[in-house]
Protein backbone atom coordinates (compact mmCIF):
# COMPACT_ATOMS: atom_id res chain seq x y z
CA MET A 1 0.10 -0.05 0.07
CA ASP A 2 1.34 3.39 -0.86
CA SER A 3 2.03 6.33 1.70
CA TYR A 4 1.22 9.71 0.50
CA VAL A 5 3.13 13.01 0.80
CA TYR A 6 0.94 16.05 1.03
CA ARG A 7 2.03 19.89 0.97
CA TRP A 8 0.65 23.10 2.09
CA ASN A 9 -1.15 25.41 -0.36
CA PRO A 10 -1.11 28.65 1.35
CA SER A 11 -3.58 30.45 -1.26
CA THR A 12 -6.50 27.75 -0.33
CA SER A 13 -4.96 27.26 3.06
CA SER A 14 -5.23 23.42 2.85
CA PHE A 15 -3.23 20.45 2.10
CA ILE A 16 -2.97 18.99 -1.45
CA PHE A 17 -1.69 15.67 -2.67
CA HIS A 18 2.09 15.76 -3.75
CA GLN A 19 3.63 12.37 -3.89
CA ALA A 20 2.57 8.59 -3.52
CA ILE A 21 5.51 6.38 -2.09
CA PRO A 22 5.27 2.74 -2.17
CA THR A 23 5.49 1.05 1.29
CA GLN A 24 4.81 -1.89 3.21
CA GLY A 25 3.18 -1.45 6.46
CA ALA A 26 4.24 2.07 7.25
CA GLN A 27 4.40 2.74 10.69
CA SER A 28 6.55 5.84 11.45
CA VAL A 29 7.58 8.96 9.31
CA ALA A 30 10.15 11.63 10.33
CA THR A 31 11.86 14.37 8.14
CA PHE A 32 15.25 15.77 8.87
CA LEU A 33 17.87 18.15 7.62
CA THR A 34 21.50 17.38 7.58
CA PRO A 35 24.08 20.23 8.23
CA ASP A 36 24.61 20.88 4.40
CA ASP A 37 20.85 21.38 4.25
CA THR A 38 19.83 18.19 2.30
CA ARG A 39 16.31 17.16 3.29
CA TYR A 40 15.35 13.70 4.00
CA LEU A 41 12.20 11.69 4.61
CA ALA A 42 12.49 8.40 6.62
CA ILE A 43 9.78 5.85 6.63
CA ALA A 44 9.70 2.98 9.19
CA SER A 45 7.95 -0.02 7.70
CA ALA A 46 7.21 -2.99 9.77
CA ASP A 47 6.03 -5.33 6.92
CA GLY A 48 8.92 -4.42 4.36
CA ASP A 49 12.12 -2.29 4.20
CA SER A 50 12.48 0.85 5.86
CA GLN A 51 13.27 3.64 3.61
CA ILE A 52 15.31 6.85 3.57
CA ARG A 53 14.22 9.38 0.73
CA VAL A 54 16.32 12.49 -0.29
CA TRP A 55 14.54 15.56 -1.35
CA GLU A 56 15.30 16.25 -5.11
CA PRO A 57 14.85 19.84 -5.84
CA PHE A 58 15.06 19.42 -9.74
CA THR A 59 11.83 16.88 -9.70
CA ALA A 60 10.58 18.53 -6.12
CA LEU A 61 9.79 14.95 -5.12
CA PHE A 62 11.38 12.57 -2.42
CA MET A 63 13.78 10.00 -4.32
CA GLU A 64 14.70 6.63 -2.98
CA SER A 65 18.11 7.13 -1.42
CA LEU A 66 18.42 3.92 0.92
CA ARG A 67 16.43 0.80 1.93
CA THR A 68 17.12 -0.54 5.36
CA ALA A 69 15.70 -2.99 8.02
CA PRO A 70 12.00 -3.22 8.66
CA ALA A 71 10.99 -1.21 11.81
CA TYR A 72 8.39 0.26 13.79
CA ASP A 73 9.80 3.66 14.73
CA ILE A 74 12.55 5.76 13.08
CA THR A 75 13.83 9.02 14.80
CA PRO A 76 16.35 11.30 13.63
CA LEU A 77 18.95 12.72 16.32
CA SER A 78 21.13 15.84 15.90
CA ILE A 79 24.20 15.73 18.18
CA THR A 80 27.69 17.77 18.13
CA ASP A 81 30.78 15.88 17.63
CA TYR A 82 33.83 16.06 19.54
CA ASN A 83 35.24 18.64 17.18
CA GLY A 84 32.18 20.69 17.52
CA ARG A 85 30.42 19.95 14.31
CA GLU A 86 26.72 19.01 14.09
CA VAL A 87 26.01 15.32 12.77
CA VAL A 88 22.72 13.68 12.49
CA MET A 89 22.16 10.34 13.39
CA LEU A 90 18.97 7.94 12.44
CA ALA A 91 17.75 5.48 15.18
CA SER A 92 15.11 2.83 14.06
CA ALA A 93 13.90 -0.01 16.25
CA TYR A 94 11.94 -3.26 15.49
CA LEU A 95 10.26 -5.40 18.06
CA GLU A 96 10.05 -9.08 16.95
CA ASN A 97 7.45 -11.42 17.91
CA GLY A 98 5.66 -8.93 19.95
CA VAL A 99 7.84 -8.85 22.80
CA SER A 100 10.76 -11.17 22.57
CA MET A 101 13.50 -9.32 20.93
CA VAL A 102 14.29 -5.79 20.11
CA ASP A 103 16.51 -5.41 16.81
CA SER A 104 17.55 -1.46 16.44
CA GLU A 105 19.83 0.17 14.28
CA ILE A 106 21.74 3.58 14.40
CA ALA A 107 22.62 5.02 11.09
CA LEU A 108 25.31 7.94 11.11
CA MET A 109 24.68 10.27 8.20
CA THR A 110 27.88 11.56 6.91
CA SER A 111 29.12 13.94 4.11
CA ILE A 112 32.43 13.78 2.49
CA SER A 113 33.92 16.78 0.51
CA SER A 114 32.84 17.01 -3.00
CA THR A 115 36.50 18.03 -3.60
CA SER A 116 37.88 14.76 -2.50
CA ASP A 117 39.01 12.09 -5.04
CA PHE A 118 37.43 8.64 -5.37
CA VAL A 119 35.26 8.85 -2.43
CA PRO A 120 31.35 8.96 -2.48
CA ARG A 121 29.95 12.37 -1.48
CA PHE A 122 27.40 10.82 1.13
CA ALA A 123 27.72 7.68 2.93
CA ILE A 124 25.91 6.14 5.97
CA SER A 125 27.32 3.91 8.51
CA PHE A 126 25.24 1.39 10.52
CA PHE A 127 25.59 0.18 14.05
CA LYS A 128 23.37 -2.75 14.72
CA CYS A 129 22.18 -3.43 18.43
CA THR A 130 20.47 -6.78 19.34
CA THR A 131 19.15 -7.37 22.87
CA MET A 132 16.94 -10.00 24.33
CA ALA A 133 14.25 -9.08 26.80
CA ILE A 134 14.10 -11.15 30.07
């Protein structure tokens, strides 16, 4: 089933349809902005891959950037690193079998200088945490 993005139309003072995004069991949605002003939409889907989508200003659409593990909740976190720079982390949580196992991921959203040679401009590092409930 698709999830829908609406945008505010100030001339009519109402929301209007903007974009349909294919999802499976979407549970949670979050938007966030990285320090370089890139806009993202994160969708936690319990029944399929969760998604991170990036705003593409040329098409005015959220385009798929990354698929990650199923999740029930997804939350962006803005922190300051030890050098005083703002960094964005994205935390997601998945509760398996109702109560028995929590499987979470934390993604560190990082940028690499566009003038660097042979490296991507954007990268995500994942830290996976698995705990058993007692």
